[in-house]
C-alpha atoms as a PDB file:
ATOM      1  CA  UNK A   1     187.203 221.465  43.709  1.00  0.00           C
ATOM      2  CA  UNK A   2     188.449 218.690  45.991  1.00  0.00           C
ATOM      3  CA  UNK A   3     186.660 218.877  49.362  1.00  0.00           C
ATOM      4  CA  UNK A   4     189.906 218.880  51.346  1.00  0.00           C
ATOM      5  CA  UNK A   5     191.298 221.736  49.249  1.00  0.00           C
ATOM      6  CA  UNK A   6     188.097 223.715  49.659  1.00  0.00           C
ATOM      7  CA  UNK A   7     188.117 223.154  53.425  1.00  0.00           C
ATOM      8  CA  UNK A   8     191.750 224.280  53.691  1.00  0.00           C
ATOM      9  CA  UNK A   9     191.055 227.443  51.703  1.00  0.00           C
ATOM     10  CA  UNK A  10     188.087 228.250  53.932  1.00  0.00           C
ATOM     11  CA  UNK A  11     190.228 227.709  57.041  1.00  0.00           C
ATOM     12  CA  UNK A  12     192.984 229.948  55.682  1.00  0.00           C
ATOM     13  CA  UNK A  13     190.451 232.693  54.956  1.00  0.00           C
ATOM     14  CA  UNK A  14     189.030 232.403  58.453  1.00  0.00           C
ATOM     15  CA  UNK A  15     192.493 232.627  60.035  1.00  0.00           C
ATOM     16  CA  UNK A  16     193.847 235.392  57.800  1.00  0.00           C
ATOM     17  CA  UNK A  17     195.457 238.265  59.674  1.00  0.00           C
ATOM     18  CA  UNK A  18     193.823 241.562  58.868  1.00  0.00           C
ATOM     19  CA  UNK A  19     196.026 244.254  57.265  1.00  0.00           C
ATOM     20  CA  UNK A  20     195.448 246.735  60.091  1.00  0.00           C
ATOM     21  CA  UNK A  21     196.520 244.129  62.670  1.00  0.00           C
ATOM     22  CA  UNK A  22     199.990 243.295  61.328  1.00  0.00           C
ATOM     23  CA  UNK A  23     203.250 245.249  61.811  1.00  0.00           C
ATOM     24  CA  UNK A  24     204.597 244.791  58.266  1.00  0.00           C
ATOM     25  CA  UNK A  25     204.045 246.581  54.978  1.00  0.00           C
ATOM     26  CA  UNK A  26     203.388 244.535  51.802  1.00  0.00           C
ATOM     27  CA  UNK A  27     206.413 243.890  49.566  1.00  0.00           C
ATOM     28  CA  UNK A  28     208.714 245.481  52.180  1.00  0.00           C
ATOM     29  CA  UNK A  29     211.263 243.611  54.326  1.00  0.00           C
ATOM     30  CA  UNK A  30     210.025 242.921  57.828  1.00  0.00           C
ATOM     31  CA  UNK A  31     212.783 241.828  60.253  1.00  0.00           C
ATOM     32  CA  UNK A  32     211.916 238.794  62.317  1.00  0.00           C
ATOM     33  CA  UNK A  33     213.659 236.898  65.054  1.00  0.00           C
ATOM     34  CA  UNK A  34     215.410 233.578  64.661  1.00  0.00           C
ATOM     35  CA  UNK A  35     216.289 231.174  67.439  1.00  0.00           C
ATOM     36  CA  UNK A  36     218.989 228.869  68.790  1.00  0.00           C
ATOM     37  CA  UNK A  37     218.540 226.011  71.243  1.00  0.00           C
ATOM     38  CA  UNK A  38     220.138 226.720  74.620  1.00  0.00           C
ATOM     39  CA  UNK A  39     220.928 223.395  76.286  1.00  0.00           C
ATOM     40  CA  UNK A  40     221.504 225.005  79.675  1.00  0.00           C
ATOM     41  CA  UNK A  41     218.166 226.816  79.730  1.00  0.00           C
ATOM     42  CA  UNK A  42     216.481 223.999  77.758  1.00  0.00           C
ATOM     43  CA  UNK A  43     214.760 226.567  75.598  1.00  0.00           C
ATOM     44  CA  UNK A  44     214.874 228.157  72.166  1.00  0.00           C
ATOM     45  CA  UNK A  45     216.231 231.670  72.642  1.00  0.00           C
ATOM     46  CA  UNK A  46     216.307 234.568  70.163  1.00  0.00           C
ATOM     47  CA  UNK A  47     219.636 235.320  68.531  1.00  0.00           C
ATOM     48  CA  UNK A  48     220.986 238.736  67.619  1.00  0.00           C
ATOM     49  CA  UNK A  49     222.204 238.827  64.003  1.00  0.00           C
ATOM     50  CA  UNK A  50     225.904 239.386  63.457  1.00  0.00           C
ATOM     51  CA  UNK A  51     226.753 243.005  62.737  1.00  0.00           C
ATOM     52  CA  UNK A  52     227.495 243.630  59.080  1.00  0.00           C
ATOM     53  CA  UNK A  53     230.715 245.181  60.263  1.00  0.00           C
ATOM     54  CA  UNK A  54     231.958 242.020  61.945  1.00  0.00           C
ATOM     55  CA  UNK A  55     235.531 240.968  61.286  1.00  0.00           C
ATOM     56  CA  UNK A  56     236.381 238.128  58.980  1.00  0.00           C
ATOM     57  CA  UNK A  57     237.832 236.156  61.871  1.00  0.00           C
ATOM     58  CA  UNK A  58     234.327 235.603  63.253  1.00  0.00           C
ATOM     59  CA  UNK A  59     233.251 233.755  60.141  1.00  0.00           C
ATOM     60  CA  UNK A  60     233.734 230.002  59.686  1.00  0.00           C
ATOM     61  CA  UNK A  61     236.578 229.280  57.292  1.00  0.00           C
ATOM     62  CA  UNK A  62     235.878 225.628  56.514  1.00  0.00           C
ATOM     63  CA  UNK A  63     232.581 225.979  54.635  1.00  0.00           C
ATOM     64  CA  UNK A  64     233.060 225.766  50.874  1.00  0.00           C
ATOM     65  CA  UNK A  65     229.672 224.427  49.738  1.00  0.00           C
ATOM     66  CA  UNK A  66     225.970 224.687  50.466  1.00  0.00           C
ATOM     67  CA  UNK A  67     223.153 222.149  50.246  1.00  0.00           C
ATOM     68  CA  UNK A  68     219.543 223.319  50.312  1.00  0.00           C
ATOM     69  CA  UNK A  69     216.687 220.916  51.005  1.00  0.00           C
ATOM     70  CA  UNK A  70     213.172 222.154  50.253  1.00  0.00           C
ATOM     71  CA  UNK A  71     209.924 220.315  50.990  1.00  0.00           C
ATOM     72  CA  UNK A  72     206.225 221.101  51.125  1.00  0.00           C
ATOM     73  CA  UNK A  73     204.630 218.962  53.843  1.00  0.00           C
ATOM     74  CA  UNK A  74     200.933 219.099  52.957  1.00  0.00           C
ATOM     75  CA  UNK A  75     198.800 221.116  55.369  1.00  0.00           C
ATOM     76  CA  UNK A  76     195.530 219.691  54.047  1.00  0.00           C
ATOM     77  CA  UNK A  77     195.987 216.165  55.369  1.00  0.00           C
ATOM     78  CA  UNK A  78     195.150 215.094  58.929  1.00  0.00           C
ATOM     79  CA  UNK A  79     197.695 213.914  61.507  1.00  0.00           C
ATOM     80  CA  UNK A  80     200.123 216.790  61.063  1.00  0.00           C
ATOM     81  CA  UNK A  81     202.338 215.742  63.979  1.00  0.00           C
ATOM     82  CA  UNK A  82     202.814 212.154  62.804  1.00  0.00           C
ATOM     83  CA  UNK A  83     203.417 213.196  59.214  1.00  0.00           C
ATOM     84  CA  UNK A  84     205.929 215.931  60.093  1.00  0.00           C
ATOM     85  CA  UNK A  85     207.681 213.593  62.517  1.00  0.00           C
ATOM     86  CA  UNK A  86     208.180 211.032  59.744  1.00  0.00           C
ATOM     87  CA  UNK A  87     209.271 213.728  57.281  1.00  0.00           C
ATOM     88  CA  UNK A  88     211.869 215.021  59.736  1.00  0.00           C
ATOM     89  CA  UNK A  89     213.107 211.495  60.425  1.00  0.00           C
ATOM     90  CA  UNK A  90     213.719 211.133  56.690  1.00  0.00           C
ATOM     91  CA  UNK A  91     215.547 214.456  56.524  1.00  0.00           C
ATOM     92  CA  UNK A  92     217.645 213.430  59.513  1.00  0.00           C
ATOM     93  CA  UNK A  93     218.622 210.215  57.746  1.00  0.00           C
ATOM     94  CA  UNK A  94     219.651 212.164  54.650  1.00  0.00           C
ATOM     95  CA  UNK A  95     221.838 214.432  56.765  1.00  0.00           C
ATOM     96  CA  UNK A  96     223.424 211.463  58.545  1.00  0.00           C
ATOM     97  CA  UNK A  97     224.282 209.876  55.213  1.00  0.00           C
ATOM     98  CA  UNK A  98     226.095 213.066  54.228  1.00  0.00           C
ATOM     99  CA  UNK A  99     227.695 213.677  57.638  1.00  0.00           C
ATOM    100  CA  UNK A 100     231.185 213.073  56.281  1.00  0.00           C
ATOM    101  CA  UNK A 101     230.880 216.236  54.174  1.00  0.00           C
ATOM    102  CA  UNK A 102     231.842 218.624  56.953  1.00  0.00           C
ATOM    103  CA  UNK A 103     232.643 221.503  54.609  1.00  0.00           C
ATOM    104  CA  UNK A 104     229.067 221.709  53.313  1.00  0.00           C
ATOM    105  CA  UNK A 105     226.581 223.895  55.171  1.00  0.00           C
ATOM    106  CA  UNK A 106     222.925 222.816  55.260  1.00  0.00           C
ATOM    107  CA  UNK A 107     219.742 224.835  54.897  1.00  0.00           C
ATOM    108  CA  UNK A 108     216.246 223.301  55.085  1.00  0.00           C
ATOM    109  CA  UNK A 109     213.223 225.167  53.698  1.00  0.00           C
ATOM    110  CA  UNK A 110     209.772 223.875  54.635  1.00  0.00           C
ATOM    111  CA  UNK A 111     206.421 225.042  53.266  1.00  0.00           C
ATOM    112  CA  UNK A 112     202.798 224.536  54.356  1.00  0.00           C
ATOM    113  CA  UNK A 113     203.774 224.206  57.996  1.00  0.00           C
ATOM    114  CA  UNK A 114     200.929 224.407  60.483  1.00  0.00           C
ATOM    115  CA  UNK A 115     201.625 225.794  63.974  1.00  0.00           C
ATOM    116  CA  UNK A 116     201.930 222.328  65.530  1.00  0.00           C
ATOM    117  CA  UNK A 117     204.649 221.512  62.980  1.00  0.00           C
ATOM    118  CA  UNK A 118     206.861 224.146  64.547  1.00  0.00           C
ATOM    119  CA  UNK A 119     206.593 222.358  67.881  1.00  0.00           C
ATOM    120  CA  UNK A 120     207.415 219.027  66.263  1.00  0.00           C
ATOM    121  CA  UNK A 121     210.437 220.544  64.508  1.00  0.00           C
ATOM    122  CA  UNK A 122     211.674 222.294  67.649  1.00  0.00           C
ATOM    123  CA  UNK A 123     211.742 219.013  69.583  1.00  0.00           C
ATOM    124  CA  UNK A 124     214.073 217.176  67.197  1.00  0.00           C
ATOM    125  CA  UNK A 125     217.505 216.619  68.796  1.00  0.00           C
ATOM    126  CA  UNK A 126     219.345 217.032  65.496  1.00  0.00           C
ATOM    127  CA  UNK A 127     217.576 220.318  64.854  1.00  0.00           C
ATOM    128  CA  UNK A 128     218.447 221.589  68.325  1.00  0.00           C
ATOM    129  CA  UNK A 129     222.075 220.563  67.956  1.00  0.00           C
ATOM    130  CA  UNK A 130     222.812 221.881  64.496  1.00  0.00           C
ATOM    131  CA  UNK A 131     220.353 224.533  63.345  1.00  0.00           C
ATOM    132  CA  UNK A 132     218.835 227.910  63.926  1.00  0.00           C
ATOM    133  CA  UNK A 133     215.027 228.029  63.593  1.00  0.00           C
ATOM    134  CA  UNK A 134     213.356 231.036  62.031  1.00  0.00           C
ATOM    135  CA  UNK A 135     209.946 230.446  63.617  1.00  0.00           C
ATOM    136  CA  UNK A 136     208.579 229.052  66.859  1.00  0.00           C
ATOM    137  CA  UNK A 137     204.980 230.142  66.245  1.00  0.00           C
ATOM    138  CA  UNK A 138     202.810 231.828  63.630  1.00  0.00           C
ATOM    139  CA  UNK A 139     203.691 235.401  64.643  1.00  0.00           C
ATOM    140  CA  UNK A 140     205.480 236.228  61.384  1.00  0.00           C
ATOM    141  CA  UNK A 141     203.058 234.451  59.050  1.00  0.00           C
ATOM    142  CA  UNK A 142     200.287 236.236  57.187  1.00  0.00           C
ATOM    143  CA  UNK A 143     197.854 233.611  58.438  1.00  0.00           C
ATOM    144  CA  UNK A 144     197.417 231.841  61.742  1.00  0.00           C
ATOM    145  CA  UNK A 145     196.737 228.680  59.732  1.00  0.00           C
ATOM    146  CA  UNK A 146     200.013 227.955  57.958  1.00  0.00           C
ATOM    147  CA  UNK A 147     203.302 229.345  56.677  1.00  0.00           C
ATOM    148  CA  UNK A 148     206.945 228.655  55.899  1.00  0.00           C
ATOM    149  CA  UNK A 149     209.969 228.100  58.104  1.00  0.00           C
ATOM    150  CA  UNK A 150     213.695 227.681  57.546  1.00  0.00           C
ATOM    151  CA  UNK A 151     216.414 225.802  59.407  1.00  0.00           C
ATOM    152  CA  UNK A 152     219.891 227.299  59.042  1.00  0.00           C
ATOM    153  CA  UNK A 153     223.175 225.551  59.786  1.00  0.00           C
ATOM    154  CA  UNK A 154     224.665 227.057  62.967  1.00  0.00           C
ATOM    155  CA  UNK A 155     228.077 227.201  61.332  1.00  0.00           C
ATOM    156  CA  UNK A 156     226.804 229.994  59.104  1.00  0.00           C
ATOM    157  CA  UNK A 157     227.196 233.612  60.138  1.00  0.00           C
ATOM    158  CA  UNK A 158     223.646 235.004  60.064  1.00  0.00           C
ATOM    159  CA  UNK A 159     223.498 238.691  59.216  1.00  0.00           C
ATOM    160  CA  UNK A 160     219.737 239.172  59.052  1.00  0.00           C
ATOM    161  CA  UNK A 161     216.402 237.389  58.889  1.00  0.00           C
ATOM    162  CA  UNK A 162     213.345 238.997  57.327  1.00  0.00           C
ATOM    163  CA  UNK A 163     210.093 238.305  55.489  1.00  0.00           C
ATOM    164  CA  UNK A 164     208.564 240.038  52.526  1.00  0.00           C
ATOM    165  CA  UNK A 165     204.793 239.579  52.546  1.00  0.00           C
ATOM    166  CA  UNK A 166     203.540 239.757  48.985  1.00  0.00           C
ATOM    167  CA  UNK A 167     201.181 242.632  48.248  1.00  0.00           C
ATOM    168  CA  UNK A 168     199.503 240.551  45.561  1.00  0.00           C
ATOM    169  CA  UNK A 169     198.308 237.402  47.303  1.00  0.00           C
ATOM    170  CA  UNK A 170     194.919 236.030  48.216  1.00  0.00           C
ATOM    171  CA  UNK A 171     196.532 233.293  50.304  1.00  0.00           C
ATOM    172  CA  UNK A 172     198.890 235.274  52.578  1.00  0.00           C
ATOM    173  CA  UNK A 173     202.039 234.115  50.798  1.00  0.00           C
ATOM    174  CA  UNK A 174     205.490 235.581  51.406  1.00  0.00           C
ATOM    175  CA  UNK A 175     209.220 235.129  50.906  1.00  0.00           C
ATOM    176  CA  UNK A 176     211.331 234.341  53.962  1.00  0.00           C
ATOM    177  CA  UNK A 177     214.973 235.431  53.638  1.00  0.00           C
ATOM    178  CA  UNK A 178     218.034 234.674  55.753  1.00  0.00           C
ATOM    179  CA  UNK A 179     221.261 236.481  54.890  1.00  0.00           C
ATOM    180  CA  UNK A 180     224.565 234.872  55.831  1.00  0.00           C
ATOM    181  CA  UNK A 181     228.034 236.298  55.521  1.00  0.00           C
ATOM    182  CA  UNK A 182     230.089 235.805  52.380  1.00  0.00           C
ATOM    183  CA  UNK A 183     233.879 236.061  52.481  1.00  0.00           C
ATOM    184  CA  UNK A 184     235.680 239.302  51.682  1.00  0.00           C
ATOM    185  CA  UNK A 185     236.387 239.865  48.008  1.00  0.00           C
ATOM    186  CA  UNK A 186     238.669 242.392  46.399  1.00  0.00           C
ATOM    187  CA  UNK A 187     235.715 244.524  45.368  1.00  0.00           C
ATOM    188  CA  UNK A 188     233.682 244.746  48.554  1.00  0.00           C
ATOM    189  CA  UNK A 189     233.514 243.827  52.205  1.00  0.00           C
ATOM    190  CA  UNK A 190     230.704 242.086  53.975  1.00  0.00           C
ATOM    191  CA  UNK A 191     228.889 240.796  50.917  1.00  0.00           C
ATOM    192  CA  UNK A 192     226.179 238.332  51.669  1.00  0.00           C
ATOM    193  CA  UNK A 193     224.573 235.113  50.533  1.00  0.00           C
ATOM    194  CA  UNK A 194     220.799 235.454  50.569  1.00  0.00           C
ATOM    195  CA  UNK A 195     218.840 232.277  51.287  1.00  0.00           C
ATOM    196  CA  UNK A 196     215.126 232.340  50.476  1.00  0.00           C
ATOM    197  CA  UNK A 197     212.080 230.186  51.091  1.00  0.00           C
ATOM    198  CA  UNK A 198     208.798 230.916  49.329  1.00  0.00           C
ATOM    199  CA  UNK A 199     205.427 229.308  48.738  1.00  0.00           C
ATOM    200  CA  UNK A 200     203.950 231.009  45.693  1.00  0.00           C
ATOM    201  CA  UNK A 201     200.240 231.453  45.052  1.00  0.00           C
ATOM    202  CA  UNK A 202     198.307 228.242  44.455  1.00  0.00           C
ATOM    203  CA  UNK A 203     195.846 227.421  41.699  1.00  0.00           C
ATOM    204  CA  UNK A 204     194.892 229.491  38.656  1.00  0.00           C
ATOM    205  CA  UNK A 205     193.874 233.122  39.038  1.00  0.00           C
ATOM    206  CA  UNK A 206     192.933 235.847  36.591  1.00  0.00           C
ATOM    207  CA  UNK A 207     194.956 237.932  36.307  1.00  0.00           C
ATOM    208  CA  UNK A 208     197.848 235.670  37.323  1.00  0.00           C
ATOM    209  CA  UNK A 209     199.450 236.385  40.695  1.00  0.00           C
ATOM    210  CA  UNK A 210     202.670 234.328  40.664  1.00  0.00           C
ATOM    211  CA  UNK A 211     204.489 236.556  38.124  1.00  0.00           C
ATOM    212  CA  UNK A 212     204.145 239.540  40.449  1.00  0.00           C
ATOM    213  CA  UNK A 213     205.383 237.471  43.397  1.00  0.00           C
ATOM    214  CA  UNK A 214     208.428 236.278  41.456  1.00  0.00           C
ATOM    215  CA  UNK A 215     209.183 239.870  40.438  1.00  0.00           C
ATOM    216  CA  UNK A 216     209.278 240.823  44.116  1.00  0.00           C
ATOM    217  CA  UNK A 217     211.338 237.750  45.006  1.00  0.00           C
ATOM    218  CA  UNK A 218     213.773 238.457  42.184  1.00  0.00           C
ATOM    219  CA  UNK A 219     214.285 242.063  43.226  1.00  0.00           C
ATOM    220  CA  UNK A 220     215.556 240.895  46.615  1.00  0.00           C
ATOM    221  CA  UNK A 221     217.818 238.299  44.999  1.00  0.00           C
ATOM    222  CA  UNK A 222     219.521 241.073  42.999  1.00  0.00           C
ATOM    223  CA  UNK A 223     220.108 243.693  45.686  1.00  0.00           C
ATOM    224  CA  UNK A 224     223.492 245.425  45.488  1.00  0.00           C
ATOM    225  CA  UNK A 225     225.076 243.906  48.584  1.00  0.00           C
ATOM    226  CA  UNK A 226     224.006 240.353  47.713  1.00  0.00           C
ATOM    227  CA  UNK A 227     226.829 238.313  46.181  1.00  0.00           C
ATOM    228  CA  UNK A 228     224.659 235.265  45.591  1.00  0.00           C
ATOM    229  CA  UNK A 229     221.109 234.153  46.249  1.00  0.00           C
ATOM    230  CA  UNK A 230     219.199 230.876  46.386  1.00  0.00           C
ATOM    231  CA  UNK A 231     215.414 230.748  46.745  1.00  0.00           C
ATOM    232  CA  UNK A 232     213.574 227.436  46.849  1.00  0.00           C
ATOM    233  CA  UNK A 233     210.060 226.335  47.568  1.00  0.00           C
ATOM    234  CA  UNK A 234     206.713 225.237  46.250  1.00  0.00           C
ATOM    235  CA  UNK A 235     206.329 227.608  43.319  1.00  0.00           C
ATOM    236  CA  UNK A 236     203.016 226.055  42.194  1.00  0.00           C
ATOM    237  CA  UNK A 237     204.196 226.020  38.584  1.00  0.00           C
ATOM    238  CA  UNK A 238     201.087 224.758  36.811  1.00  0.00           C
ATOM    239  CA  UNK A 239     200.661 227.151  33.874  1.00  0.00           C
ATOM    240  CA  UNK A 240     202.755 227.803  30.746  1.00  0.00           C
ATOM    241  CA  UNK A 241     203.979 231.207  31.964  1.00  0.00           C
ATOM    242  CA  UNK A 242     205.511 229.584  35.065  1.00  0.00           C
ATOM    243  CA  UNK A 243     208.185 227.988  32.897  1.00  0.00           C
ATOM    244  CA  UNK A 244     209.879 231.300  32.123  1.00  0.00           C
ATOM    245  CA  UNK A 245     209.421 233.225  35.372  1.00  0.00           C
ATOM    246  CA  UNK A 246     213.053 232.638  36.370  1.00  0.00           C
ATOM    247  CA  UNK A 247     214.396 234.144  33.149  1.00  0.00           C
ATOM    248  CA  UNK A 248     211.970 237.064  33.475  1.00  0.00           C
ATOM    249  CA  UNK A 249     213.839 238.149  36.632  1.00  0.00           C
ATOM    250  CA  UNK A 250     217.355 237.156  35.555  1.00  0.00           C
ATOM    251  CA  UNK A 251     217.919 234.076  37.704  1.00  0.00           C
ATOM    252  CA  UNK A 252     218.582 230.408  36.926  1.00  0.00           C
ATOM    253  CA  UNK A 253     216.369 227.357  37.455  1.00  0.00           C
ATOM    254  CA  UNK A 254     218.552 224.639  39.004  1.00  0.00           C
ATOM    255  CA  UNK A 255     216.680 221.733  37.418  1.00  0.00           C
ATOM    256  CA  UNK A 256     216.988 223.205  33.926  1.00  0.00           C
ATOM    257  CA  UNK A 257     220.640 224.134  34.497  1.00  0.00           C
ATOM    258  CA  UNK A 258     221.364 220.452  35.152  1.00  0.00           C
ATOM    259  CA  UNK A 259     219.885 219.500  31.799  1.00  0.00           C
ATOM    260  CA  UNK A 260     216.382 218.751  33.000  1.00  0.00           C
ATOM    261  CA  UNK A 261     213.494 219.108  30.580  1.00  0.00           C
ATOM    262  CA  UNK A 262     209.889 220.134  31.128  1.00  0.00           C
ATOM    263  CA  UNK A 263     207.060 217.587  31.030  1.00  0.00           C
ATOM    264  CA  UNK A 264     209.406 214.854  32.205  1.00  0.00           C
ATOM    265  CA  UNK A 265     208.857 212.188  34.838  1.00  0.00           C
ATOM    266  CA  UNK A 266     212.343 212.987  36.118  1.00  0.00           C
ATOM    267  CA  UNK A 267     211.298 216.535  36.963  1.00  0.00           C
ATOM    268  CA  UNK A 268     207.837 216.180  38.458  1.00  0.00           C
ATOM    269  CA  UNK A 269     207.540 216.966  42.163  1.00  0.00           C
ATOM    270  CA  UNK A 270     203.765 216.802  42.575  1.00  0.00           C
ATOM    271  CA  UNK A 271     201.218 214.225  41.513  1.00  0.00           C
ATOM    272  CA  UNK A 272     203.021 210.952  42.102  1.00  0.00           C
ATOM    273  CA  UNK A 273     201.862 210.982  45.731  1.00  0.00           C
ATOM    274  CA  UNK A 274     198.594 212.835  45.312  1.00  0.00           C
ATOM    275  CA  UNK A 275     195.305 211.071  45.816  1.00  0.00           C
ATOM    276  CA  UNK A 276     194.350 208.913  42.854  1.00  0.00           C
ATOM    277  CA  UNK A 277     191.429 211.148  41.847  1.00  0.00           C
ATOM    278  CA  UNK A 278     193.549 214.311  41.883  1.00  0.00           C
ATOM    279  CA  UNK A 279     196.357 212.656  39.941  1.00  0.00           C
ATOM    280  CA  UNK A 280     193.935 211.408  37.296  1.00  0.00           C
ATOM    281  CA  UNK A 281     192.412 214.869  36.997  1.00  0.00           C
ATOM    282  CA  UNK A 282     195.534 217.043  37.028  1.00  0.00           C
ATOM    283  CA  UNK A 283     198.420 214.712  36.226  1.00  0.00           C
ATOM    284  CA  UNK A 284     201.907 215.473  37.524  1.00  0.00           C
ATOM    285  CA  UNK A 285     203.771 218.785  37.555  1.00  0.00           C
ATOM    286  CA  UNK A 286     207.086 220.374  38.519  1.00  0.00           C
ATOM    287  CA  UNK A 287     205.746 222.617  41.247  1.00  0.00           C
ATOM    288  CA  UNK A 288     208.876 222.774  43.395  1.00  0.00           C
ATOM    289  CA  UNK A 289     211.898 224.708  42.161  1.00  0.00           C
ATOM    290  CA  UNK A 290     215.235 226.218  43.112  1.00  0.00           C
ATOM    291  CA  UNK A 291     216.189 229.609  41.670  1.00  0.00           C
ATOM    292  CA  UNK A 292     219.712 230.984  42.075  1.00  0.00           C
ATOM    293  CA  UNK A 293     222.045 233.733  40.895  1.00  0.00           C
ATOM    294  CA  UNK A 294     225.444 235.208  41.645  1.00  0.00           C
ATOM    295  CA  UNK A 295     228.715 233.695  42.841  1.00  0.00           C
ATOM    296  CA  UNK A 296     227.558 230.080  43.051  1.00  0.00           C
ATOM    297  CA  UNK A 297     228.358 226.981  41.027  1.00  0.00           C
ATOM    298  CA  UNK A 298     225.518 224.470  40.897  1.00  0.00           C
ATOM    299  CA  UNK A 299     226.910 220.993  41.574  1.00  0.00           C
ATOM    300  CA  UNK A 300     223.787 218.842  41.583  1.00  0.00           C
ATOM    301  CA  UNK A 301     220.026 218.864  41.748  1.00  0.00           C
ATOM    302  CA  UNK A 302     217.772 215.963  42.699  1.00  0.00           C
ATOM    303  CA  UNK A 303     214.504 215.020  44.333  1.00  0.00           C
ATOM    304  CA  UNK A 304     214.011 213.273  47.662  1.00  0.00           C
ATOM    305  CA  UNK A 305     211.142 212.107  49.854  1.00  0.00           C
ATOM    306  CA  UNK A 306     209.544 209.495  47.604  1.00  0.00           C
ATOM    307  CA  UNK A 307     207.435 206.947  49.492  1.00  0.00           C
ATOM    308  CA  UNK A 308     208.054 208.426  52.936  1.00  0.00           C
ATOM    309  CA  UNK A 309     205.100 207.227  54.989  1.00  0.00           C
ATOM    310  CA  UNK A 310     203.619 207.702  58.442  1.00  0.00           C
ATOM    311  CA  UNK A 311     205.300 205.272  60.819  1.00  0.00           C
ATOM    312  CA  UNK A 312     203.977 201.723  60.982  1.00  0.00           C
ATOM    313  CA  UNK A 313     202.980 202.024  64.648  1.00  0.00           C
ATOM    314  CA  UNK A 314     200.339 204.615  63.739  1.00  0.00           C
ATOM    315  CA  UNK A 315     198.049 202.063  62.106  1.00  0.00           C
ATOM    316  CA  UNK A 316     194.805 203.969  62.647  1.00  0.00           C
ATOM    317  CA  UNK A 317     196.270 207.082  61.053  1.00  0.00           C
ATOM    318  CA  UNK A 318     197.712 205.126  58.159  1.00  0.00           C
ATOM    319  CA  UNK A 319     194.342 203.488  57.513  1.00  0.00           C
ATOM    320  CA  UNK A 320     192.633 206.876  57.577  1.00  0.00           C
ATOM    321  CA  UNK A 321     195.056 208.283  54.986  1.00  0.00           C
ATOM    322  CA  UNK A 322     194.469 205.289  52.737  1.00  0.00           C
ATOM    323  CA  UNK A 323     190.713 205.823  53.055  1.00  0.00           C
ATOM    324  CA  UNK A 324     191.160 209.328  51.613  1.00  0.00           C
ATOM    325  CA  UNK A 325     192.204 207.849  48.288  1.00  0.00           C
ATOM    326  CA  UNK A 326     195.970 207.566  48.680  1.00  0.00           C
ATOM    327  CA  UNK A 327     197.812 204.449  47.564  1.00  0.00           C
ATOM    328  CA  UNK A 328     200.135 204.668  50.556  1.00  0.00           C
ATOM    329  CA  UNK A 329     200.169 206.547  53.858  1.00  0.00           C
ATOM    330  CA  UNK A 330     202.416 209.244  52.431  1.00  0.00           C
ATOM    331  CA  UNK A 331     203.413 212.154  54.648  1.00  0.00           C
ATOM    332  CA  UNK A 332     202.849 214.660  51.839  1.00  0.00           C
ATOM    333  CA  UNK A 333     201.793 214.933  48.216  1.00  0.00           C
ATOM    334  CA  UNK A 334     205.049 216.656  47.221  1.00  0.00           C
ATOM    335  CA  UNK A 335     208.528 215.317  46.624  1.00  0.00           C
ATOM    336  CA  UNK A 336     211.298 217.431  48.076  1.00  0.00           C
ATOM    337  CA  UNK A 337     214.132 218.978  46.102  1.00  0.00           C
ATOM    338  CA  UNK A 338     217.824 219.159  46.976  1.00  0.00           C
ATOM    339  CA  UNK A 339     220.340 221.542  45.370  1.00  0.00           C
ATOM    340  CA  UNK A 340     224.079 221.551  46.067  1.00  0.00           C
ATOM    341  CA  UNK A 341     226.257 224.586  45.339  1.00  0.00           C
ATOM    342  CA  UNK A 342     229.917 225.474  45.589  1.00  0.00           C
ATOM    343  CA  UNK A 343     231.126 229.016  46.004  1.00  0.00           C
ATOM    344  CA  UNK A 344     232.851 230.383  42.944  1.00  0.00           C
ATOM    345  CA  UNK A 345     236.656 230.721  42.819  1.00  0.00           C
ATOM    346  CA  UNK A 346     236.974 228.375  45.809  1.00  0.00           C
ATOM    347  CA  UNK A 347     235.544 231.023  48.118  1.00  0.00           C
ATOM    348  CA  UNK A 348     234.730 229.807  51.589  1.00  0.00           C
ATOM    349  CA  UNK A 349     232.319 231.052  54.192  1.00  0.00           C
END
């Protein structure tokens, strides 16, 4: 096993939260806070979710589409602050390029965040101006070492925010969900769009763990009051059974829905930016995926984040990354994925 991987696993084990010291139950929803930047107080303050009985007039009427960005920013590499800062600068540029699309709401799912990443994220002006943050520290993670976090467009009407910590996990993995209001339909009021962010179990285990995690994830995507659901993340799809996990739970794989094929350079999200030794040993794979179901029309799916590097002014850090066997001073070994959806029948949020 690669020394950096082994060291990261040992750190995660050392910083694992013990079952009798956490407030949640495995595989059950655990409500967590989310936060909004208050310019007057110059602080991130907790937000109370909108009541599910709120009137339609409180919901934005100009949102007709959704774009979800998902990116694993490697926790195993040094210089977390510089790497996350460069990754966020790239995301900010992507958002600026699409700024004319004012009817499209934005959600950003990040995996393998370390606690200092949350500070780096919280300091970004564009994050403060336009997004809710689900996490300011590691309180809701199963480990003090790393976890996931989501940024949600402030124009969306957040109904709830909760995590489901997987019962079957040796690596403290979970699914983070944010529910936002869907418009009224003729059949039901206060239906919701469920947005999910998950980092599935890494590596190969016997018996396999990821199928159980996807079963849990899928059950929350199909709950009765959920009109549509999108879950993205690093799904660590490295074995043959991973290719059919979406169909096993009755959801769609965005890449495949757009005509993508397995074992294709166009689909790989890991390996191109791994260290040379790891790439030679394991090749490339389509680890990162977007699953969806319900009242959504997939418009496009693509990758982003190729060749994003630590900034030039950090020469010492760049040199150190190159010395670890990387061809460039990449911020992460994963490419990100971007999925764009429209709401069916011209529904608007």
